[in-house]
Amino acid sequence: MDDSAVAGRLNREFHELIGALDAISALKEELELRLDEARDDCVREVLDNVIALVGAHIIEYQHRRSEQSNELGLENLNESEM
């Protein structure tokens, strides 16, 4: 694979990662709203566990995004510019 193909692949993966991070963050927000509305302790416990799992995935995606932004030379951009 030539350099331009590698750069194109990295750029595509970076933007896919940003989209995935946005989607999973929206999911976490929705789950947190459901948690606030839940009346049953069992439901609250399940939602709390799922929220914790989704939160762990968000941290991993943010780490990957940071690594890829460094690879692409975007390390000086803040989150609003990504």
N, C-alpha and C. Protein backbone atom coordinates (compact mmCIF):
# COMPACT_ATOMS: atom_id res chain seq x y z
N MET A 1 0.84 -1.17 0.00
CA MET A 1 0.00 0.00 0.00
C MET A 1 0.90 1.24 0.00
N ASP A 2 0.61 2.21 -0.87
CA ASP A 2 1.44 3.41 -0.91
C ASP A 2 1.03 4.37 0.21
N ASP A 3 1.84 5.42 0.39
CA ASP A 3 1.62 6.35 1.50
C ASP A 3 0.26 7.04 1.43
N SER A 4 -0.17 7.40 0.23
CA SER A 4 -1.46 8.09 0.11
C SER A 4 -2.62 7.15 0.46
N ALA A 5 -2.49 5.89 0.12
CA ALA A 5 -3.54 4.92 0.46
C ALA A 5 -3.60 4.70 1.97
N VAL A 6 -2.42 4.63 2.60
CA VAL A 6 -2.37 4.46 4.06
C VAL A 6 -2.97 5.69 4.74
N ALA A 7 -2.59 6.88 4.26
CA ALA A 7 -3.12 8.12 4.84
C ALA A 7 -4.64 8.19 4.65
N GLY A 8 -5.12 7.78 3.49
CA GLY A 8 -6.56 7.78 3.25
C GLY A 8 -7.29 6.82 4.17
N ARG A 9 -6.71 5.64 4.37
CA ARG A 9 -7.31 4.65 5.27
C ARG A 9 -7.35 5.19 6.70
N LEU A 10 -6.23 5.77 7.16
CA LEU A 10 -6.17 6.32 8.52
C LEU A 10 -7.18 7.45 8.69
N ASN A 11 -7.30 8.30 7.68
CA ASN A 11 -8.25 9.41 7.74
C ASN A 11 -9.69 8.89 7.81
N ARG A 12 -10.01 7.89 6.99
CA ARG A 12 -11.36 7.30 7.00
C ARG A 12 -11.65 6.67 8.36
N GLU A 13 -10.68 5.91 8.89
CA GLU A 13 -10.87 5.27 10.19
C GLU A 13 -11.04 6.31 11.29
N PHE A 14 -10.29 7.41 11.19
CA PHE A 14 -10.40 8.48 12.18
C PHE A 14 -11.82 9.06 12.19
N HIS A 15 -12.36 9.33 11.02
CA HIS A 15 -13.70 9.91 10.94
C HIS A 15 -14.77 8.89 11.33
N GLU A 16 -14.56 7.62 11.03
CA GLU A 16 -15.49 6.58 11.49
C GLU A 16 -15.47 6.50 13.01
N LEU A 17 -14.30 6.64 13.60
CA LEU A 17 -14.15 6.59 15.04
C LEU A 17 -14.87 7.76 15.70
N ILE A 18 -14.75 8.94 15.11
CA ILE A 18 -15.46 10.10 15.64
C ILE A 18 -16.97 9.88 15.57
N GLY A 19 -17.46 9.32 14.47
CA GLY A 19 -18.88 9.01 14.34
C GLY A 19 -19.33 8.00 15.38
N ALA A 20 -18.53 6.97 15.58
CA ALA A 20 -18.86 5.94 16.58
C ALA A 20 -18.87 6.55 17.97
N LEU A 21 -17.91 7.42 18.25
CA LEU A 21 -17.85 8.06 19.56
C LEU A 21 -19.07 8.95 19.79
N ASP A 22 -19.48 9.68 18.77
CA ASP A 22 -20.70 10.49 18.89
C ASP A 22 -21.92 9.62 19.16
N ALA A 23 -22.03 8.50 18.43
CA ALA A 23 -23.19 7.62 18.59
C ALA A 23 -23.21 6.98 19.97
N ILE A 24 -22.08 6.51 20.44
CA ILE A 24 -22.05 5.84 21.74
C ILE A 24 -22.24 6.84 22.87
N SER A 25 -21.80 8.08 22.67
CA SER A 25 -22.04 9.12 23.68
C SER A 25 -23.52 9.45 23.76
N ALA A 26 -24.19 9.50 22.60
CA ALA A 26 -25.64 9.74 22.58
C ALA A 26 -26.38 8.60 23.26
N LEU A 27 -25.92 7.38 23.04
CA LEU A 27 -26.53 6.21 23.70
C LEU A 27 -26.39 6.33 25.21
N LYS A 28 -25.22 6.72 25.67
CA LYS A 28 -25.00 6.86 27.12
C LYS A 28 -25.94 7.91 27.70
N GLU A 29 -26.09 9.03 27.01
CA GLU A 29 -27.00 10.08 27.49
C GLU A 29 -28.43 9.56 27.58
N GLU A 30 -28.86 8.80 26.57
CA GLU A 30 -30.22 8.24 26.58
C GLU A 30 -30.39 7.25 27.73
N LEU A 31 -29.39 6.42 27.95
CA LEU A 31 -29.46 5.47 29.06
C LEU A 31 -29.51 6.19 30.41
N GLU A 32 -28.78 7.27 30.53
CA GLU A 32 -28.79 8.04 31.78
C GLU A 32 -30.17 8.65 32.03
N LEU A 33 -30.84 9.09 30.95
CA LEU A 33 -32.21 9.59 31.10
C LEU A 33 -33.15 8.48 31.56
N ARG A 34 -33.00 7.30 30.97
CA ARG A 34 -33.82 6.15 31.38
C ARG A 34 -33.56 5.78 32.84
N LEU A 35 -32.30 5.89 33.25
CA LEU A 35 -31.95 5.57 34.64
C LEU A 35 -32.67 6.52 35.59
N ASP A 36 -32.71 7.80 35.23
CA ASP A 36 -33.40 8.78 36.08
C ASP A 36 -34.89 8.50 36.18
N GLU A 37 -35.46 7.88 35.13
CA GLU A 37 -36.89 7.60 35.10
C GLU A 37 -37.25 6.24 35.72
N ALA A 38 -36.26 5.37 35.88
CA ALA A 38 -36.53 4.01 36.35
C ALA A 38 -36.98 4.01 37.81
N ARG A 39 -38.01 3.21 38.07
CA ARG A 39 -38.53 3.11 39.43
C ARG A 39 -38.12 1.81 40.12
N ASP A 40 -37.90 0.79 39.35
CA ASP A 40 -37.55 -0.52 39.87
C ASP A 40 -36.04 -0.60 40.13
N ASP A 41 -35.66 -1.07 41.31
CA ASP A 41 -34.24 -1.17 41.67
C ASP A 41 -33.48 -2.11 40.75
N CYS A 42 -34.12 -3.18 40.31
CA CYS A 42 -33.45 -4.13 39.41
C CYS A 42 -33.15 -3.46 38.06
N VAL A 43 -34.10 -2.70 37.57
CA VAL A 43 -33.92 -1.99 36.31
C VAL A 43 -32.81 -0.95 36.46
N ARG A 44 -32.81 -0.25 37.58
CA ARG A 44 -31.78 0.76 37.83
C ARG A 44 -30.39 0.11 37.87
N GLU A 45 -30.30 -1.05 38.49
CA GLU A 45 -29.01 -1.74 38.57
C GLU A 45 -28.52 -2.17 37.19
N VAL A 46 -29.43 -2.72 36.38
CA VAL A 46 -29.05 -3.14 35.02
C VAL A 46 -28.62 -1.92 34.20
N LEU A 47 -29.41 -0.87 34.24
CA LEU A 47 -29.06 0.34 33.49
C LEU A 47 -27.73 0.92 33.96
N ASP A 48 -27.51 0.91 35.26
CA ASP A 48 -26.25 1.42 35.80
C ASP A 48 -25.06 0.61 35.28
N ASN A 49 -25.23 -0.71 35.22
CA ASN A 49 -24.15 -1.57 34.70
C ASN A 49 -23.91 -1.32 33.21
N VAL A 50 -24.98 -1.15 32.45
CA VAL A 50 -24.84 -0.89 31.01
C VAL A 50 -24.18 0.48 30.80
N ILE A 51 -24.57 1.47 31.58
CA ILE A 51 -23.98 2.80 31.47
C ILE A 51 -22.48 2.75 31.77
N ALA A 52 -22.11 1.97 32.78
CA ALA A 52 -20.69 1.82 33.10
C ALA A 52 -19.92 1.16 31.96
N LEU A 53 -20.52 0.16 31.34
CA LEU A 53 -19.89 -0.51 30.20
C LEU A 53 -19.74 0.45 29.01
N VAL A 54 -20.80 1.18 28.72
CA VAL A 54 -20.75 2.15 27.62
C VAL A 54 -19.70 3.22 27.93
N GLY A 55 -19.63 3.66 29.17
CA GLY A 55 -18.63 4.64 29.57
C GLY A 55 -17.22 4.14 29.36
N ALA A 56 -16.99 2.86 29.64
CA ALA A 56 -15.67 2.26 29.40
C ALA A 56 -15.33 2.25 27.91
N HIS A 57 -16.33 1.98 27.09
CA HIS A 57 -16.11 2.02 25.64
C HIS A 57 -15.82 3.44 25.16
N ILE A 58 -16.48 4.42 25.74
CA ILE A 58 -16.22 5.81 25.37
C ILE A 58 -14.77 6.17 25.68
N ILE A 59 -14.28 5.76 26.84
CA ILE A 59 -12.89 6.03 27.20
C ILE A 59 -11.94 5.38 26.20
N GLU A 60 -12.22 4.14 25.82
CA GLU A 60 -11.37 3.44 24.85
C GLU A 60 -11.42 4.15 23.49
N TYR A 61 -12.60 4.56 23.05
CA TYR A 61 -12.72 5.25 21.76
C TYR A 61 -11.99 6.59 21.80
N GLN A 62 -12.08 7.30 22.93
CA GLN A 62 -11.36 8.56 23.05
C GLN A 62 -9.85 8.34 22.98
N HIS A 63 -9.38 7.27 23.59
CA HIS A 63 -7.96 6.92 23.54
C HIS A 63 -7.54 6.63 22.10
N ARG A 64 -8.34 5.85 21.40
CA ARG A 64 -8.03 5.54 20.00
C ARG A 64 -8.05 6.80 19.15
N ARG A 65 -9.03 7.67 19.40
CA ARG A 65 -9.11 8.92 18.65
C ARG A 65 -7.86 9.77 18.87
N SER A 66 -7.40 9.82 20.09
CA SER A 66 -6.19 10.57 20.41
C SER A 66 -4.98 10.00 19.69
N GLU A 67 -4.85 8.67 19.71
CA GLU A 67 -3.74 8.02 19.03
C GLU A 67 -3.78 8.30 17.52
N GLN A 68 -4.97 8.18 16.94
CA GLN A 68 -5.09 8.40 15.49
C GLN A 68 -4.87 9.86 15.13
N SER A 69 -5.32 10.78 15.98
CA SER A 69 -5.09 12.19 15.66
C SER A 69 -3.60 12.50 15.69
N ASN A 70 -2.87 11.85 16.59
CA ASN A 70 -1.42 12.01 16.61
C ASN A 70 -0.79 11.45 15.34
N GLU A 71 -1.25 10.29 14.90
CA GLU A 71 -0.73 9.69 13.67
C GLU A 71 -1.00 10.56 12.46
N LEU A 72 -2.14 11.25 12.47
CA LEU A 72 -2.51 12.09 11.34
C LEU A 72 -1.96 13.51 11.46
N GLY A 73 -1.27 13.80 12.57
CA GLY A 73 -0.73 15.13 12.78
C GLY A 73 -1.77 16.14 13.21
N LEU A 74 -2.82 15.67 13.85
CA LEU A 74 -3.92 16.54 14.28
C LEU A 74 -3.88 16.78 15.78
N GLU A 75 -2.75 16.50 16.44
CA GLU A 75 -2.70 16.54 17.89
C GLU A 75 -2.97 17.92 18.48
N ASN A 76 -2.88 18.99 17.69
CA ASN A 76 -3.11 20.33 18.22
C ASN A 76 -4.57 20.76 18.12
N LEU A 77 -5.42 19.93 17.54
CA LEU A 77 -6.82 20.29 17.42
C LEU A 77 -7.56 19.98 18.72
N ASN A 78 -8.47 20.86 19.10
CA ASN A 78 -9.30 20.51 20.25
C ASN A 78 -10.50 19.73 19.76
N GLU A 79 -11.30 19.22 20.68
CA GLU A 79 -12.41 18.34 20.31
C GLU A 79 -13.42 19.01 19.40
N SER A 80 -13.66 20.30 19.57
CA SER A 80 -14.67 20.97 18.75
C SER A 80 -14.23 21.08 17.29
N GLU A 81 -12.93 20.99 17.02
CA GLU A 81 -12.44 21.08 15.65
C GLU A 81 -12.41 19.72 14.98
N MET A 82 -12.59 18.63 15.74
CA MET A 82 -12.52 17.27 15.18
C MET A 82 -13.84 16.91 14.65
